Amino acid sequence: MISYIEYIPETTFNKEKWRTETASRYKMRNDIIDNQILKLKNKSEVVTLLGNPSNSVNDNQWIYDLGISSAGFGLQFHSLQITFKNNVVAKVKKFVITD
């Protein structure tokens, strides 16, 4: 049996790094969620802060790709899902898919 310890470095949200270091955005995800950086922001304010989403499920659910990190012998694909209600952020959730 093989096991590993996952370590994902964290850093505080920085708008410039978010826009220029797109492959390591996952390091800022906990700060965005824990400190409620997007709380009560409307869609326009989110775009100003984070840029356009990487994808959208619909007009009220946006997804931002946060980059890829290693996970033992595989990879982890990180994303941030933002759900809007009445044009205002209602929920921010992180997703990790391990390959």
PDB file of N, CA and C in Angstrom:
ATOM      1  N   MET A   1       0.845  -1.180   0.000  1.00  0.00           N
ATOM      2  CA  MET A   1       0.000   0.000   0.000  1.00  0.00           C
ATOM      3  C   MET A   1       0.887   1.240   0.000  1.00  0.00           C
ATOM      4  N   ILE A   2       0.558   2.159  -0.864  1.00  0.00           N
ATOM      5  CA  ILE A   2       1.308   3.405  -0.985  1.00  0.00           C
ATOM      6  C   ILE A   2       0.413   4.542  -0.545  1.00  0.00           C
ATOM      7  N   SER A   3       0.966   5.398   0.285  1.00  0.00           N
ATOM      8  CA  SER A   3       0.221   6.588   0.680  1.00  0.00           C
ATOM      9  C   SER A   3       1.120   7.796   0.537  1.00  0.00           C
ATOM     10  N   TYR A   4       0.535   8.941   0.517  1.00  0.00           N
ATOM     11  CA  TYR A   4       1.285  10.179   0.412  1.00  0.00           C
ATOM     12  C   TYR A   4       0.570  11.258   1.203  1.00  0.00           C
ATOM     13  N   ILE A   5       1.327  12.252   1.545  1.00  0.00           N
ATOM     14  CA  ILE A   5       0.766  13.405   2.244  1.00  0.00           C
ATOM     15  C   ILE A   5       0.652  14.534   1.232  1.00  0.00           C
ATOM     16  N   GLU A   6      -0.519  15.084   1.134  1.00  0.00           N
ATOM     17  CA  GLU A   6      -0.748  16.170   0.208  1.00  0.00           C
ATOM     18  C   GLU A   6      -0.372  17.492   0.874  1.00  0.00           C
ATOM     19  N   TYR A   7       0.438  18.254   0.187  1.00  0.00           N
ATOM     20  CA  TYR A   7       0.788  19.576   0.683  1.00  0.00           C
ATOM     21  C   TYR A   7       0.514  20.579  -0.429  1.00  0.00           C
ATOM     22  N   ILE A   8      -0.361  21.498  -0.168  1.00  0.00           N
ATOM     23  CA  ILE A   8      -0.648  22.555  -1.121  1.00  0.00           C
ATOM     24  C   ILE A   8      -0.288  23.875  -0.460  1.00  0.00           C
ATOM     25  N   PRO A   9       0.741  24.523  -0.984  1.00  0.00           N
ATOM     26  CA  PRO A   9       1.138  25.803  -0.386  1.00  0.00           C
ATOM     27  C   PRO A   9       0.021  26.831  -0.550  1.00  0.00           C
ATOM     28  N   GLU A  10      -0.106  27.689   0.427  1.00  0.00           N
ATOM     29  CA  GLU A  10      -1.142  28.716   0.384  1.00  0.00           C
ATOM     30  C   GLU A  10      -0.516  30.097   0.438  1.00  0.00           C
ATOM     31  N   THR A  11      -1.201  31.032  -0.138  1.00  0.00           N
ATOM     32  CA  THR A  11      -0.773  32.416  -0.103  1.00  0.00           C
ATOM     33  C   THR A  11      -2.023  33.291  -0.105  1.00  0.00           C
ATOM     34  N   THR A  12      -1.865  34.543   0.254  1.00  0.00           N
ATOM     35  CA  THR A  12      -3.003  35.455   0.251  1.00  0.00           C
ATOM     36  C   THR A  12      -3.331  35.867  -1.185  1.00  0.00           C
ATOM     37  N   PHE A  13      -4.572  36.250  -1.372  1.00  0.00           N
ATOM     38  CA  PHE A  13      -5.012  36.668  -2.709  1.00  0.00           C
ATOM     39  C   PHE A  13      -4.279  37.932  -3.123  1.00  0.00           C
ATOM     40  N   ASN A  14      -3.801  37.933  -4.360  1.00  0.00           N
ATOM     41  CA  ASN A  14      -3.130  39.087  -4.943  1.00  0.00           C
ATOM     42  C   ASN A  14      -3.635  39.211  -6.375  1.00  0.00           C
ATOM     43  N   LYS A  15      -4.309  40.293  -6.680  1.00  0.00           N
ATOM     44  CA  LYS A  15      -4.941  40.477  -7.987  1.00  0.00           C
ATOM     45  C   LYS A  15      -3.939  40.358  -9.135  1.00  0.00           C
ATOM     46  N   GLU A  16      -2.775  40.939  -8.992  1.00  0.00           N
ATOM     47  CA  GLU A  16      -1.780  40.894 -10.069  1.00  0.00           C
ATOM     48  C   GLU A  16      -1.251  39.478 -10.288  1.00  0.00           C
ATOM     49  N   LYS A  17      -0.944  38.771  -9.196  1.00  0.00           N
ATOM     50  CA  LYS A  17      -0.482  37.388  -9.330  1.00  0.00           C
ATOM     51  C   LYS A  17      -1.587  36.499  -9.890  1.00  0.00           C
ATOM     52  N   TRP A  18      -2.830  36.742  -9.487  1.00  0.00           N
ATOM     53  CA  TRP A  18      -3.965  35.982  -9.996  1.00  0.00           C
ATOM     54  C   TRP A  18      -4.017  36.070 -11.524  1.00  0.00           C
ATOM     55  N   ARG A  19      -3.793  37.270 -12.032  1.00  0.00           N
ATOM     56  CA  ARG A  19      -3.892  37.484 -13.480  1.00  0.00           C
ATOM     57  C   ARG A  19      -2.654  37.029 -14.246  1.00  0.00           C
ATOM     58  N   THR A  20      -1.483  37.051 -13.615  1.00  0.00           N
ATOM     59  CA  THR A  20      -0.251  36.705 -14.333  1.00  0.00           C
ATOM     60  C   THR A  20       0.249  35.287 -14.063  1.00  0.00           C
ATOM     61  N   GLU A  21      -0.022  34.761 -12.894  1.00  0.00           N
ATOM     62  CA  GLU A  21       0.459  33.421 -12.533  1.00  0.00           C
ATOM     63  C   GLU A  21      -0.723  32.453 -12.477  1.00  0.00           C
ATOM     64  N   THR A  22      -1.374  32.299 -13.613  1.00  0.00           N
ATOM     65  CA  THR A  22      -2.615  31.525 -13.663  1.00  0.00           C
ATOM     66  C   THR A  22      -2.426  30.047 -13.300  1.00  0.00           C
ATOM     67  N   ALA A  23      -1.252  29.500 -13.499  1.00  0.00           N
ATOM     68  CA  ALA A  23      -1.013  28.082 -13.200  1.00  0.00           C
ATOM     69  C   ALA A  23      -0.931  27.805 -11.703  1.00  0.00           C
ATOM     70  N   SER A  24      -0.790  28.837 -10.896  1.00  0.00           N
ATOM     71  CA  SER A  24      -0.683  28.613  -9.444  1.00  0.00           C
ATOM     72  C   SER A  24      -1.758  29.373  -8.656  1.00  0.00           C
ATOM     73  N   ARG A  25      -2.858  29.647  -9.293  1.00  0.00           N
ATOM     74  CA  ARG A  25      -3.971  30.317  -8.609  1.00  0.00           C
ATOM     75  C   ARG A  25      -4.503  29.504  -7.435  1.00  0.00           C
ATOM     76  N   TYR A  26      -4.361  28.182  -7.517  1.00  0.00           N
ATOM     77  CA  TYR A  26      -4.896  27.312  -6.457  1.00  0.00           C
ATOM     78  C   TYR A  26      -4.316  27.656  -5.091  1.00  0.00           C
ATOM     79  N   LYS A  27      -3.168  28.287  -5.056  1.00  0.00           N
ATOM     80  CA  LYS A  27      -2.550  28.670  -3.785  1.00  0.00           C
ATOM     81  C   LYS A  27      -3.343  29.779  -3.084  1.00  0.00           C
ATOM     82  N   MET A  28      -4.169  30.510  -3.839  1.00  0.00           N
ATOM     83  CA  MET A  28      -4.932  31.630  -3.289  1.00  0.00           C
ATOM     84  C   MET A  28      -6.379  31.269  -2.970  1.00  0.00           C
ATOM     85  N   ARG A  29      -6.803  30.072  -3.325  1.00  0.00           N
ATOM     86  CA  ARG A  29      -8.226  29.710  -3.214  1.00  0.00           C
ATOM     87  C   ARG A  29      -8.750  29.760  -1.789  1.00  0.00           C
ATOM     88  N   ASN A  30      -7.981  29.262  -0.829  1.00  0.00           N
ATOM     89  CA  ASN A  30      -8.467  29.262   0.554  1.00  0.00           C
ATOM     90  C   ASN A  30      -8.609  30.676   1.101  1.00  0.00           C
ATOM     91  N   ASP A  31      -7.724  31.569   0.711  1.00  0.00           N
ATOM     92  CA  ASP A  31      -7.833  32.956   1.164  1.00  0.00           C
ATOM     93  C   ASP A  31      -9.111  33.589   0.606  1.00  0.00           C
ATOM     94  N   ILE A  32      -9.396  33.320  -0.659  1.00  0.00           N
ATOM     95  CA  ILE A  32     -10.615  33.858  -1.282  1.00  0.00           C
ATOM     96  C   ILE A  32     -11.853  33.370  -0.537  1.00  0.00           C
ATOM     97  N   ILE A  33     -11.865  32.077  -0.204  1.00  0.00           N
ATOM     98  CA  ILE A  33     -13.032  31.492   0.462  1.00  0.00           C
ATOM     99  C   ILE A  33     -13.082  31.863   1.941  1.00  0.00           C
ATOM    100  N   ASP A  34     -11.986  31.624   2.659  1.00  0.00           N
ATOM    101  CA  ASP A  34     -11.972  31.835   4.109  1.00  0.00           C
ATOM    102  C   ASP A  34     -12.196  33.292   4.500  1.00  0.00           C
ATOM    103  N   ASN A  35     -11.660  34.212   3.711  1.00  0.00           N
ATOM    104  CA  ASN A  35     -11.799  35.636   4.037  1.00  0.00           C
ATOM    105  C   ASN A  35     -12.935  36.307   3.272  1.00  0.00           C
ATOM    106  N   GLN A  36     -13.726  35.502   2.611  1.00  0.00           N
ATOM    107  CA  GLN A  36     -14.930  35.966   1.913  1.00  0.00           C
ATOM    108  C   GLN A  36     -14.662  37.188   1.026  1.00  0.00           C
ATOM    109  N   ILE A  37     -13.598  37.094   0.245  1.00  0.00           N
ATOM    110  CA  ILE A  37     -13.190  38.200  -0.614  1.00  0.00           C
ATOM    111  C   ILE A  37     -14.265  38.557  -1.644  1.00  0.00           C
ATOM    112  N   LEU A  38     -15.063  37.575  -2.042  1.00  0.00           N
ATOM    113  CA  LEU A  38     -16.084  37.827  -3.055  1.00  0.00           C
ATOM    114  C   LEU A  38     -17.472  38.096  -2.480  1.00  0.00           C
ATOM    115  N   LYS A  39     -17.580  38.098  -1.172  1.00  0.00           N
ATOM    116  CA  LYS A  39     -18.873  38.264  -0.514  1.00  0.00           C
ATOM    117  C   LYS A  39     -19.570  39.551  -0.959  1.00  0.00           C
ATOM    118  N   LEU A  40     -20.821  39.404  -1.365  1.00  0.00           N
ATOM    119  CA  LEU A  40     -21.695  40.500  -1.778  1.00  0.00           C
ATOM    120  C   LEU A  40     -21.224  41.252  -3.024  1.00  0.00           C
ATOM    121  N   LYS A  41     -20.289  40.687  -3.763  1.00  0.00           N
ATOM    122  CA  LYS A  41     -19.840  41.324  -5.003  1.00  0.00           C
ATOM    123  C   LYS A  41     -20.786  40.917  -6.130  1.00  0.00           C
ATOM    124  N   ASN A  42     -21.034  41.860  -7.041  1.00  0.00           N
ATOM    125  CA  ASN A  42     -21.852  41.530  -8.203  1.00  0.00           C
ATOM    126  C   ASN A  42     -20.950  40.988  -9.315  1.00  0.00           C
ATOM    127  N   LYS A  43     -21.542  40.560 -10.403  1.00  0.00           N
ATOM    128  CA  LYS A  43     -20.788  39.933 -11.491  1.00  0.00           C
ATOM    129  C   LYS A  43     -19.718  40.859 -12.053  1.00  0.00           C
ATOM    130  N   SER A  44     -20.054  42.101 -12.214  1.00  0.00           N
ATOM    131  CA  SER A  44     -19.105  43.078 -12.741  1.00  0.00           C
ATOM    132  C   SER A  44     -17.893  43.228 -11.814  1.00  0.00           C
ATOM    133  N   GLU A  45     -18.134  43.269 -10.516  1.00  0.00           N
ATOM    134  CA  GLU A  45     -17.046  43.390  -9.545  1.00  0.00           C
ATOM    135  C   GLU A  45     -16.170  42.138  -9.529  1.00  0.00           C
ATOM    136  N   VAL A  46     -16.782  40.964  -9.710  1.00  0.00           N
ATOM    137  CA  VAL A  46     -16.005  39.722  -9.765  1.00  0.00           C
ATOM    138  C   VAL A  46     -15.105  39.723 -10.990  1.00  0.00           C
ATOM    139  N   VAL A  47     -15.638  40.142 -12.134  1.00  0.00           N
ATOM    140  CA  VAL A  47     -14.827  40.210 -13.350  1.00  0.00           C
ATOM    141  C   VAL A  47     -13.693  41.214 -13.184  1.00  0.00           C
ATOM    142  N   THR A  48     -13.954  42.331 -12.546  1.00  0.00           N
ATOM    143  CA  THR A  48     -12.903  43.323 -12.300  1.00  0.00           C
ATOM    144  C   THR A  48     -11.797  42.734 -11.430  1.00  0.00           C
ATOM    145  N   LEU A  49     -12.161  41.940 -10.463  1.00  0.00           N
ATOM    146  CA  LEU A  49     -11.194  41.364  -9.532  1.00  0.00           C
ATOM    147  C   LEU A  49     -10.491  40.130 -10.105  1.00  0.00           C
ATOM    148  N   LEU A  50     -11.269  39.197 -10.684  1.00  0.00           N
ATOM    149  CA  LEU A  50     -10.713  37.909 -11.115  1.00  0.00           C
ATOM    150  C   LEU A  50     -10.561  37.746 -12.626  1.00  0.00           C
ATOM    151  N   GLY A  51     -11.130  38.664 -13.396  1.00  0.00           N
ATOM    152  CA  GLY A  51     -11.141  38.497 -14.843  1.00  0.00           C
ATOM    153  C   GLY A  51     -12.339  37.648 -15.239  1.00  0.00           C
ATOM    154  N   ASN A  52     -12.421  37.352 -16.524  1.00  0.00           N
ATOM    155  CA  ASN A  52     -13.532  36.539 -17.014  1.00  0.00           C
ATOM    156  C   ASN A  52     -13.363  35.095 -16.570  1.00  0.00           C
ATOM    157  N   PRO A  53     -14.468  34.399 -16.332  1.00  0.00           N
ATOM    158  CA  PRO A  53     -14.367  33.002 -15.911  1.00  0.00           C
ATOM    159  C   PRO A  53     -13.795  32.128 -17.029  1.00  0.00           C
ATOM    160  N   SER A  54     -13.203  31.007 -16.649  1.00  0.00           N
ATOM    161  CA  SER A  54     -12.678  30.051 -17.620  1.00  0.00           C
ATOM    162  C   SER A  54     -13.815  29.337 -18.320  1.00  0.00           C
ATOM    163  N   ASN A  55     -14.913  29.170 -17.602  1.00  0.00           N
ATOM    164  CA  ASN A  55     -16.053  28.425 -18.096  1.00  0.00           C
ATOM    165  C   ASN A  55     -17.284  28.874 -17.309  1.00  0.00           C
ATOM    166  N   SER A  56     -18.436  28.563 -17.820  1.00  0.00           N
ATOM    167  CA  SER A  56     -19.651  28.821 -17.050  1.00  0.00           C
ATOM    168  C   SER A  56     -20.651  27.715 -17.334  1.00  0.00           C
ATOM    169  N   VAL A  57     -21.275  27.241 -16.282  1.00  0.00           N
ATOM    170  CA  VAL A  57     -22.311  26.234 -16.408  1.00  0.00           C
ATOM    171  C   VAL A  57     -23.564  26.904 -16.964  1.00  0.00           C
ATOM    172  N   ASN A  58     -23.842  28.070 -16.443  1.00  0.00           N
ATOM    173  CA  ASN A  58     -24.933  28.928 -16.909  1.00  0.00           C
ATOM    174  C   ASN A  58     -24.579  30.346 -16.473  1.00  0.00           C
ATOM    175  N   ASP A  59     -25.484  31.263 -16.681  1.00  0.00           N
ATOM    176  CA  ASP A  59     -25.202  32.668 -16.358  1.00  0.00           C
ATOM    177  C   ASP A  59     -24.978  32.906 -14.870  1.00  0.00           C
ATOM    178  N   ASN A  60     -25.447  31.998 -14.029  1.00  0.00           N
ATOM    179  CA  ASN A  60     -25.324  32.182 -12.582  1.00  0.00           C
ATOM    180  C   ASN A  60     -24.317  31.247 -11.923  1.00  0.00           C
ATOM    181  N   GLN A  61     -23.540  30.535 -12.711  1.00  0.00           N
ATOM    182  CA  GLN A  61     -22.535  29.639 -12.144  1.00  0.00           C
ATOM    183  C   GLN A  61     -21.272  29.698 -12.998  1.00  0.00           C
ATOM    184  N   TRP A  62     -20.251  30.328 -12.450  1.00  0.00           N
ATOM    185  CA  TRP A  62     -18.996  30.514 -13.166  1.00  0.00           C
ATOM    186  C   TRP A  62     -17.921  29.618 -12.576  1.00  0.00           C
ATOM    187  N   ILE A  63     -16.979  29.217 -13.429  1.00  0.00           N
ATOM    188  CA  ILE A  63     -15.868  28.376 -13.001  1.00  0.00           C
ATOM    189  C   ILE A  63     -14.553  29.019 -13.437  1.00  0.00           C
ATOM    190  N   TYR A  64     -13.625  29.082 -12.492  1.00  0.00           N
ATOM    191  CA  TYR A  64     -12.278  29.588 -12.764  1.00  0.00           C
ATOM    192  C   TYR A  64     -11.287  28.442 -12.609  1.00  0.00           C
ATOM    193  N   ASP A  65     -10.467  28.210 -13.642  1.00  0.00           N
ATOM    194  CA  ASP A  65      -9.397  27.226 -13.528  1.00  0.00           C
ATOM    195  C   ASP A  65      -8.313  27.809 -12.641  1.00  0.00           C
ATOM    196  N   LEU A  66      -7.826  26.995 -11.702  1.00  0.00           N
ATOM    197  CA  LEU A  66      -6.840  27.477 -10.736  1.00  0.00           C
ATOM    198  C   LEU A  66      -5.455  26.873 -10.939  1.00  0.00           C
ATOM    199  N   GLY A  67      -5.318  25.959 -11.868  1.00  0.00           N
ATOM    200  CA  GLY A  67      -4.014  25.358 -12.120  1.00  0.00           C
ATOM    201  C   GLY A  67      -3.977  23.896 -11.727  1.00  0.00           C
ATOM    202  N   ILE A  68      -2.794  23.310 -11.908  1.00  0.00           N
ATOM    203  CA  ILE A  68      -2.579  21.884 -11.662  1.00  0.00           C
ATOM    204  C   ILE A  68      -1.426  21.729 -10.681  1.00  0.00           C
ATOM    205  N   SER A  69      -1.597  20.805  -9.737  1.00  0.00           N
ATOM    206  CA  SER A  69      -0.512  20.490  -8.808  1.00  0.00           C
ATOM    207  C   SER A  69      -0.292  18.981  -8.816  1.00  0.00           C
ATOM    208  N   SER A  70       0.846  18.565  -8.287  1.00  0.00           N
ATOM    209  CA  SER A  70       1.121  17.131  -8.217  1.00  0.00           C
ATOM    210  C   SER A  70       0.456  16.552  -6.969  1.00  0.00           C
ATOM    211  N   ALA A  71       0.118  15.252  -7.074  1.00  0.00           N
ATOM    212  CA  ALA A  71      -0.531  14.556  -5.964  1.00  0.00           C
ATOM    213  C   ALA A  71      -0.008  13.128  -5.959  1.00  0.00           C
ATOM    214  N   GLY A  72       1.037  12.884  -5.193  1.00  0.00           N
ATOM    215  CA  GLY A  72       1.626  11.550  -5.192  1.00  0.00           C
ATOM    216  C   GLY A  72       2.164  11.233  -6.568  1.00  0.00           C
ATOM    217  N   PHE A  73       1.596  10.217  -7.211  1.00  0.00           N
ATOM    218  CA  PHE A  73       2.022   9.830  -8.554  1.00  0.00           C
ATOM    219  C   PHE A  73       1.099  10.396  -9.631  1.00  0.00           C
ATOM    220  N   GLY A  74       0.177  11.244  -9.236  1.00  0.00           N
ATOM    221  CA  GLY A  74      -0.782  11.802 -10.188  1.00  0.00           C
ATOM    222  C   GLY A  74      -0.804  13.316 -10.150  1.00  0.00           C
ATOM    223  N   LEU A  75      -1.883  13.850 -10.670  1.00  0.00           N
ATOM    224  CA  LEU A  75      -2.056  15.295 -10.736  1.00  0.00           C
ATOM    225  C   LEU A  75      -3.385  15.681 -10.118  1.00  0.00           C
ATOM    226  N   GLN A  76      -3.461  16.918  -9.672  1.00  0.00           N
ATOM    227  CA  GLN A  76      -4.715  17.473  -9.174  1.00  0.00           C
ATOM    228  C   GLN A  76      -5.049  18.705 -10.010  1.00  0.00           C
ATOM    229  N   PHE A  77      -6.294  18.748 -10.464  1.00  0.00           N
ATOM    230  CA  PHE A  77      -6.796  19.863 -11.248  1.00  0.00           C
ATOM    231  C   PHE A  77      -7.709  20.677 -10.335  1.00  0.00           C
ATOM    232  N   HIS A  78      -7.359  21.933 -10.126  1.00  0.00           N
ATOM    233  CA  HIS A  78      -8.064  22.786  -9.175  1.00  0.00           C
ATOM    234  C   HIS A  78      -8.976  23.769  -9.909  1.00  0.00           C
ATOM    235  N   SER A  79     -10.148  24.015  -9.334  1.00  0.00           N
ATOM    236  CA  SER A  79     -11.050  25.026  -9.888  1.00  0.00           C
ATOM    237  C   SER A  79     -11.855  25.672  -8.765  1.00  0.00           C
ATOM    238  N   LEU A  80     -12.395  26.820  -9.080  1.00  0.00           N
ATOM    239  CA  LEU A  80     -13.211  27.587  -8.142  1.00  0.00           C
ATOM    240  C   LEU A  80     -14.557  27.825  -8.810  1.00  0.00           C
ATOM    241  N   GLN A  81     -15.623  27.480  -8.129  1.00  0.00           N
ATOM    242  CA  GLN A  81     -16.963  27.659  -8.660  1.00  0.00           C
ATOM    243  C   GLN A  81     -17.663  28.773  -7.889  1.00  0.00           C
ATOM    244  N   ILE A  82     -18.171  29.731  -8.627  1.00  0.00           N
ATOM    245  CA  ILE A  82     -18.872  30.862  -8.025  1.00  0.00           C
ATOM    246  C   ILE A  82     -20.333  30.812  -8.476  1.00  0.00           C
ATOM    247  N   THR A  83     -21.230  30.821  -7.518  1.00  0.00           N
ATOM    248  CA  THR A  83     -22.658  30.804  -7.807  1.00  0.00           C
ATOM    249  C   THR A  83     -23.252  32.157  -7.432  1.00  0.00           C
ATOM    250  N   PHE A  84     -24.024  32.714  -8.346  1.00  0.00           N
ATOM    251  CA  PHE A  84     -24.664  34.014  -8.133  1.00  0.00           C
ATOM    252  C   PHE A  84     -26.160  33.834  -7.908  1.00  0.00           C
ATOM    253  N   LYS A  85     -26.709  34.705  -7.090  1.00  0.00           N
ATOM    254  CA  LYS A  85     -28.148  34.784  -6.911  1.00  0.00           C
ATOM    255  C   LYS A  85     -28.514  36.260  -6.979  1.00  0.00           C
ATOM    256  N   ASN A  86     -29.422  36.612  -7.875  1.00  0.00           N
ATOM    257  CA  ASN A  86     -29.801  38.015  -8.088  1.00  0.00           C
ATOM    258  C   ASN A  86     -28.574  38.877  -8.404  1.00  0.00           C
ATOM    259  N   ASN A  87     -27.671  38.334  -9.232  1.00  0.00           N
ATOM    260  CA  ASN A  87     -26.478  39.036  -9.710  1.00  0.00           C
ATOM    261  C   ASN A  87     -25.413  39.261  -8.633  1.00  0.00           C
ATOM    262  N   VAL A  88     -25.556  38.640  -7.448  1.00  0.00           N
ATOM    263  CA  VAL A  88     -24.604  38.807  -6.350  1.00  0.00           C
ATOM    264  C   VAL A  88     -24.056  37.439  -5.957  1.00  0.00           C
ATOM    265  N   VAL A  89     -22.774  37.387  -5.583  1.00  0.00           N
ATOM    266  CA  VAL A  89     -22.156  36.121  -5.179  1.00  0.00           C
ATOM    267  C   VAL A  89     -22.929  35.522  -4.008  1.00  0.00           C
ATOM    268  N   ALA A  90     -23.376  34.285  -4.193  1.00  0.00           N
ATOM    269  CA  ALA A  90     -24.117  33.581  -3.146  1.00  0.00           C
ATOM    270  C   ALA A  90     -23.269  32.468  -2.533  1.00  0.00           C
ATOM    271  N   LYS A  91     -22.334  31.925  -3.334  1.00  0.00           N
ATOM    272  CA  LYS A  91     -21.550  30.793  -2.850  1.00  0.00           C
ATOM    273  C   LYS A  91     -20.254  30.696  -3.644  1.00  0.00           C
ATOM    274  N   VAL A  92     -19.172  30.373  -2.926  1.00  0.00           N
ATOM    275  CA  VAL A  92     -17.873  30.145  -3.553  1.00  0.00           C
ATOM    276  C   VAL A  92     -17.382  28.795  -3.045  1.00  0.00           C
ATOM    277  N   LYS A  93     -17.031  27.924  -3.991  1.00  0.00           N
ATOM    278  CA  LYS A  93     -16.665  26.565  -3.627  1.00  0.00           C
ATOM    279  C   LYS A  93     -15.441  26.125  -4.433  1.00  0.00           C
ATOM    280  N   LYS A  94     -14.529  25.423  -3.769  1.00  0.00           N
ATOM    281  CA  LYS A  94     -13.356  24.911  -4.478  1.00  0.00           C
ATOM    282  C   LYS A  94     -13.594  23.459  -4.873  1.00  0.00           C
ATOM    283  N   PHE A  95     -13.014  23.075  -6.004  1.00  0.00           N
ATOM    284  CA  PHE A  95     -13.084  21.707  -6.498  1.00  0.00           C
ATOM    285  C   PHE A  95     -11.696  21.210  -6.825  1.00  0.00           C
ATOM    286  N   VAL A  96     -11.455  19.957  -6.541  1.00  0.00           N
ATOM    287  CA  VAL A  96     -10.192  19.320  -6.884  1.00  0.00           C
ATOM    288  C   VAL A  96     -10.513  17.977  -7.525  1.00  0.00           C
ATOM    289  N   ILE A  97      -9.977  17.751  -8.708  1.00  0.00           N
ATOM    290  CA  ILE A  97     -10.097  16.470  -9.375  1.00  0.00           C
ATOM    291  C   ILE A  97      -8.718  15.845  -9.403  1.00  0.00           C
ATOM    292  N   THR A  98      -8.595  14.654  -8.831  1.00  0.00           N
ATOM    293  CA  THR A  98      -7.306  13.963  -8.782  1.00  0.00           C
ATOM    294  C   THR A  98      -7.261  12.917  -9.887  1.00  0.00           C
ATOM    295  N   ASP A  99      -6.170  12.946 -10.630  1.00  0.00           N
ATOM    296  CA  ASP A  99      -5.974  11.997 -11.722  1.00  0.00           C
ATOM    297  C   ASP A  99      -4.963  10.951 -11.305  1.00  0.00           C
TER     298      ASP A  99
END
